[in-house]
Amino acid sequence: MPGKHCMTLVALLVLLATGAHADQSRVPGGSWRSILPTGTAARTVYVAPFRLDRVPVTNAQFLEFVRTHPRWQRGRVPRVLADSAYLGQWQGPLELGATAGPDQPVTSISWFAARAFCESRGKRLPSWYEWERSAAADEHERDARGSAGWQQRVLGWYSKPSNRPLARVAAEKANVYGIHDLHGLVWEWVDDFNALMIAGDSREQGDPDLLKFCGTGALAIEDRDNYAVAMRIALLSSLDANSTTVNLGFRCAADDTEVSK
């Protein structure tokens, strides 16, 4: 019998060791050439290894969160933390309804609410560099930004009407890291969104609900051909932390202590 108990204990320890990251994929660290200027003579930055949720947070997951954290329910959140459109697609504060399927990404979420959700799970929002590094991958390459096919696919999503019902998460193939939906489903919050600034003329096209805000400054984009990613920066740099839009969701990240490969 002791042997049986030892095996059970080993299985439990393995589960505990892996369970915290069961819904995340590891993205290795390394030098990264961002679309954003580094502010130094160096053209690259170092991104430490991290973990990122494989899919955006869903309506079902956020509903569970607001049930256990009532202060984040619609109607209870102060306007300083979320604007009047917060969770506006839900039927009620604790009811999803026909326009918000449980396996669709949750949207109309403020940065404050997204950050609170991630913290409740022992995680955090990803930084821009982390999100950009993850989103540069396709099914075969870690950095597919030079591929015309990758750029065309991303731009193709931007050209679609924004009033279509959202698809469920993970409906499309995962990238080389095992992460789904970084493009083609929703826009996503990053933790340092308010440090991103871009010239206003890059916001002339796109979803009018998303691009209705005014930016706070301008910067020189390193790769002006990468319009798809520049649109992301344009949106994020135009938001306030309490802003919500119908196509803006989020996913969580976590630090990783493994040796980068």
Protein backbone atom coordinates (compact mmCIF):
# COMPACT_ATOMS: atom_id res chain seq x y z
CA MET A 1 0.00 0.00 0.00
CA PRO A 2 2.79 2.53 0.69
CA GLY A 3 3.92 2.16 -2.90
CA LYS A 4 0.44 2.99 -4.13
CA HIS A 5 0.31 6.10 -1.96
CA CYS A 6 3.73 7.18 -3.25
CA MET A 7 2.57 6.87 -6.83
CA THR A 8 -0.53 8.91 -6.04
CA LEU A 9 1.60 11.61 -4.41
CA VAL A 10 3.95 11.74 -7.41
CA ALA A 11 0.99 12.09 -9.78
CA LEU A 12 -0.42 14.91 -7.65
CA LEU A 13 2.89 16.76 -7.60
CA VAL A 14 3.16 16.49 -11.39
CA LEU A 15 -0.37 17.83 -11.75
CA LEU A 16 0.35 20.74 -9.44
CA ALA A 17 3.57 21.53 -11.28
CA THR A 18 1.91 21.66 -14.68
CA GLY A 19 -1.63 22.68 -13.84
CA ALA A 20 -0.82 26.34 -13.30
CA HIS A 21 0.22 26.60 -16.93
CA ALA A 22 -2.22 24.12 -18.45
CA ASP A 23 -3.99 26.85 -20.39
CA GLN A 24 -0.81 28.68 -21.47
CA SER A 25 1.96 28.16 -23.98
CA ARG A 26 5.60 29.01 -23.36
CA VAL A 27 7.24 31.59 -25.60
CA PRO A 28 11.06 31.46 -25.37
CA GLY A 29 13.04 34.59 -24.65
CA GLY A 30 15.58 36.24 -26.88
CA SER A 31 16.49 39.33 -28.87
CA TRP A 32 13.53 40.93 -30.58
CA ARG A 33 13.29 43.59 -33.28
CA SER A 34 10.05 45.40 -32.53
CA ILE A 35 8.08 47.63 -34.82
CA LEU A 36 8.46 50.21 -32.05
CA PRO A 37 11.68 52.23 -31.82
CA THR A 38 13.81 51.13 -28.89
CA GLY A 39 14.83 54.64 -27.87
CA THR A 40 18.48 53.64 -28.04
CA ALA A 41 21.07 52.96 -30.72
CA ALA A 42 20.29 49.26 -30.46
CA ARG A 43 17.72 48.00 -32.97
CA THR A 44 16.59 45.12 -30.77
CA VAL A 45 15.33 44.54 -27.24
CA TYR A 46 15.57 41.45 -25.06
CA VAL A 47 12.30 39.71 -24.21
CA ALA A 48 12.49 37.30 -21.28
CA PRO A 49 10.76 33.93 -21.64
CA PHE A 50 7.10 34.07 -20.68
CA ARG A 51 3.84 32.19 -20.89
CA LEU A 52 0.74 33.37 -22.75
CA ASP A 53 -2.84 32.11 -22.70
CA ARG A 54 -3.52 29.89 -25.68
CA VAL A 55 -6.83 31.64 -26.37
CA PRO A 56 -8.43 34.95 -25.41
CA VAL A 57 -10.49 35.03 -22.22
CA THR A 58 -14.05 33.91 -22.98
CA ASN A 59 -17.43 35.18 -21.86
CA ALA A 60 -17.86 32.06 -19.72
CA GLN A 61 -14.57 32.66 -17.94
CA PHE A 62 -15.32 36.32 -17.30
CA LEU A 63 -18.82 35.46 -16.08
CA GLU A 64 -17.25 33.14 -13.50
CA PHE A 65 -14.93 35.99 -12.50
CA VAL A 66 -17.67 38.58 -11.95
CA ARG A 67 -19.73 36.08 -9.96
CA THR A 68 -16.87 35.69 -7.48
CA HIS A 69 -15.77 39.33 -7.73
CA PRO A 70 -19.05 41.31 -7.62
CA ARG A 71 -17.34 44.70 -7.75
CA TRP A 72 -16.57 43.98 -11.44
CA GLN A 73 -20.18 43.29 -12.38
CA ARG A 74 -21.83 45.61 -14.87
CA GLY A 75 -23.62 48.37 -13.00
CA ARG A 76 -21.26 48.20 -10.02
CA VAL A 77 -18.01 49.29 -11.63
CA PRO A 78 -17.23 53.02 -11.23
CA ARG A 79 -16.93 54.96 -14.49
CA VAL A 80 -13.32 55.70 -13.67
CA LEU A 81 -12.63 51.97 -14.04
CA ALA A 82 -14.93 51.17 -17.00
CA ASP A 83 -17.00 53.35 -19.31
CA SER A 84 -20.76 53.06 -19.88
CA ALA A 85 -20.38 50.38 -22.60
CA TYR A 86 -18.70 47.90 -20.22
CA LEU A 87 -20.01 44.37 -20.92
CA GLY A 88 -22.77 45.97 -22.97
CA GLN A 89 -23.18 42.88 -25.16
CA TRP A 90 -24.28 40.76 -22.18
CA GLN A 91 -27.98 40.28 -21.46
CA GLY A 92 -27.45 41.32 -17.86
CA PRO A 93 -24.79 41.65 -15.16
CA LEU A 94 -24.80 37.87 -14.62
CA GLU A 95 -26.39 36.69 -17.87
CA LEU A 96 -24.64 36.27 -21.23
CA GLY A 97 -27.61 36.14 -23.61
CA ALA A 98 -27.84 35.52 -27.35
CA THR A 99 -25.14 38.02 -28.38
CA ALA A 100 -22.42 36.68 -26.08
CA GLY A 101 -21.77 32.97 -26.44
CA PRO A 102 -19.84 31.25 -23.63
CA ASP A 103 -17.01 30.19 -25.97
CA GLN A 104 -16.72 33.56 -27.69
CA PRO A 105 -14.05 36.00 -26.49
CA VAL A 106 -15.27 38.48 -23.92
CA THR A 107 -15.19 42.05 -25.22
CA SER A 108 -16.21 45.52 -24.03
CA ILE A 109 -13.70 45.09 -21.24
CA SER A 110 -11.62 47.92 -19.79
CA TRP A 111 -7.90 47.63 -19.07
CA PHE A 112 -8.66 47.82 -15.35
CA ALA A 113 -11.10 44.90 -15.57
CA ALA A 114 -8.77 42.82 -17.73
CA ARG A 115 -5.91 43.37 -15.32
CA ALA A 116 -8.08 42.44 -12.33
CA PHE A 117 -9.14 39.19 -14.01
CA CYS A 118 -5.55 38.19 -14.73
CA GLU A 119 -4.44 39.03 -11.20
CA SER A 120 -7.27 36.88 -9.81
CA ARG A 121 -5.65 33.92 -11.57
CA GLY A 122 -2.12 34.70 -10.51
CA LYS A 123 -1.28 36.10 -13.94
CA ARG A 124 -0.89 39.51 -15.59
CA LEU A 125 -1.53 41.23 -18.89
CA PRO A 126 1.23 40.74 -21.48
CA SER A 127 3.54 43.60 -22.38
CA TRP A 128 3.50 44.94 -25.92
CA TYR A 129 6.81 43.23 -26.73
CA GLU A 130 5.47 39.91 -25.44
CA TRP A 131 2.26 40.19 -27.43
CA GLU A 132 4.10 41.34 -30.56
CA ARG A 133 6.64 38.50 -30.34
CA SER A 134 3.88 35.92 -29.96
CA ALA A 135 1.75 37.40 -32.73
CA ALA A 136 4.62 37.45 -35.23
CA ALA A 137 4.53 33.66 -35.48
CA ASP A 138 2.53 31.60 -37.92
CA GLU A 139 2.00 27.85 -38.02
CA HIS A 140 5.60 27.18 -39.07
CA GLU A 141 7.87 30.15 -38.19
CA ARG A 142 8.51 32.06 -34.99
CA ASP A 143 8.84 35.29 -36.98
CA ALA A 144 6.74 35.27 -40.13
CA ARG A 145 6.45 39.04 -40.48
CA GLY A 146 8.47 38.98 -43.69
CA SER A 147 5.98 36.63 -45.29
CA ALA A 148 3.54 38.24 -47.70
CA GLY A 149 1.03 35.54 -46.82
CA TRP A 150 1.18 36.41 -43.10
CA GLN A 151 0.68 40.11 -43.73
CA GLN A 152 -2.14 39.54 -46.20
CA ARG A 153 -3.98 37.25 -43.83
CA VAL A 154 -3.81 39.81 -41.02
CA LEU A 155 -4.82 42.69 -43.28
CA GLY A 156 -7.67 40.59 -44.62
CA TRP A 157 -9.19 40.46 -41.15
CA TYR A 158 -8.91 44.23 -40.73
CA SER A 159 -10.94 44.70 -43.90
CA LYS A 160 -13.91 42.65 -42.63
CA PRO A 161 -16.98 44.44 -41.22
CA SER A 162 -16.84 44.76 -37.45
CA ASN A 163 -20.55 44.09 -36.92
CA ARG A 164 -20.33 40.35 -37.60
CA PRO A 165 -20.85 37.95 -34.67
CA LEU A 166 -17.55 36.84 -33.18
CA ALA A 167 -16.38 33.29 -33.79
CA ARG A 168 -15.61 30.96 -30.90
CA VAL A 169 -12.05 30.89 -29.63
CA ALA A 170 -9.57 28.41 -31.16
CA ALA A 171 -11.62 28.04 -34.34
CA GLU A 172 -8.47 28.68 -36.38
CA LYS A 173 -5.14 26.84 -36.31
CA ALA A 174 -2.65 27.64 -33.57
CA ASN A 175 0.70 29.23 -34.35
CA VAL A 176 4.04 27.52 -33.82
CA TYR A 177 3.82 28.17 -30.06
CA GLY A 178 0.36 26.59 -29.79
CA ILE A 179 -1.36 29.97 -29.38
CA HIS A 180 -4.64 30.75 -31.17
CA ASP A 181 -6.41 33.91 -32.31
CA LEU A 182 -3.69 36.53 -31.97
CA HIS A 183 -5.02 37.84 -35.28
CA GLY A 184 -8.40 37.42 -36.90
CA LEU A 185 -10.73 37.44 -33.89
CA VAL A 186 -10.43 40.44 -31.54
CA TRP A 187 -8.05 43.22 -30.64
CA GLU A 188 -6.32 42.72 -27.28
CA TRP A 189 -5.20 44.79 -24.33
CA VAL A 190 -1.53 44.87 -23.33
CA ASP A 191 -0.30 46.02 -19.94
CA ASP A 192 1.75 48.97 -21.23
CA PHE A 193 -0.81 50.20 -23.78
CA ASN A 194 -0.51 53.79 -22.56
CA ALA A 195 3.19 53.89 -23.44
CA LEU A 196 2.42 53.33 -27.13
CA MET A 197 1.97 56.35 -29.36
CA ILE A 198 1.55 56.62 -33.11
CA ALA A 199 0.81 59.34 -35.63
CA GLY A 200 -2.85 60.04 -36.31
CA ASP A 201 -2.63 59.44 -40.06
CA SER A 202 -2.22 55.72 -39.39
CA ARG A 203 -5.70 55.59 -37.91
CA GLU A 204 -7.60 56.73 -40.98
CA GLN A 205 -8.93 53.25 -41.74
CA GLY A 206 -10.40 50.38 -39.74
CA ASP A 207 -13.28 49.78 -37.35
CA PRO A 208 -14.84 53.19 -36.57
CA ASP A 209 -15.85 52.01 -33.09
CA LEU A 210 -12.26 51.14 -32.32
CA LEU A 211 -10.61 54.10 -33.98
CA LYS A 212 -12.97 56.80 -32.74
CA PHE A 213 -10.51 57.88 -30.07
CA CYS A 214 -7.81 60.51 -30.52
CA GLY A 215 -4.19 59.52 -30.08
CA THR A 216 -1.89 61.25 -27.66
CA GLY A 217 1.25 61.61 -29.73
CA ALA A 218 3.38 60.29 -32.54
CA LEU A 219 6.36 58.06 -33.10
CA ALA A 220 8.43 56.86 -35.98
CA ILE A 221 7.54 53.27 -36.76
CA GLU A 222 10.64 51.22 -37.58
CA ASP A 223 8.86 49.04 -40.15
CA ARG A 224 6.40 51.19 -42.05
CA ASP A 225 5.47 48.26 -44.30
CA ASN A 226 4.01 46.38 -41.33
CA TYR A 227 0.72 48.23 -41.41
CA ALA A 228 -1.12 45.35 -39.77
CA VAL A 229 0.79 45.65 -36.50
CA ALA A 230 0.89 49.44 -36.69
CA MET A 231 -2.92 49.39 -36.61
CA ARG A 232 -2.74 47.59 -33.27
CA ILE A 233 -0.52 50.30 -31.85
CA ALA A 234 -2.80 52.98 -33.28
CA LEU A 235 -5.77 51.54 -31.46
CA LEU A 236 -4.06 50.89 -28.15
CA SER A 237 -2.34 54.28 -28.06
CA SER A 238 -5.71 55.97 -28.48
CA LEU A 239 -7.45 54.34 -25.52
CA ASP A 240 -7.93 55.30 -21.90
CA ALA A 241 -7.66 52.63 -19.24
CA ASN A 242 -11.45 52.70 -18.68
CA SER A 243 -12.26 52.47 -22.42
CA THR A 244 -14.21 49.54 -23.84
CA THR A 245 -15.07 48.59 -27.42
CA VAL A 246 -17.06 45.75 -28.95
CA ASN A 247 -14.05 44.10 -30.59
CA LEU A 248 -11.50 44.56 -27.81
CA GLY A 249 -10.72 41.63 -25.52
CA PHE A 250 -7.65 40.28 -23.74
CA ARG A 251 -5.64 37.28 -22.65
CA CYS A 252 -3.28 36.79 -19.72
CA ALA A 253 0.46 36.19 -19.49
CA ALA A 254 2.82 34.95 -16.78
CA ASP A 255 6.54 35.04 -16.10
CA ASP A 256 8.47 31.90 -16.93
CA THR A 257 11.44 30.69 -14.95
CA GLU A 258 12.69 28.03 -17.36
CA VAL A 259 15.96 28.60 -19.19
CA SER A 260 15.30 30.29 -22.54
CA LYS A 261 15.88 28.13 -25.61
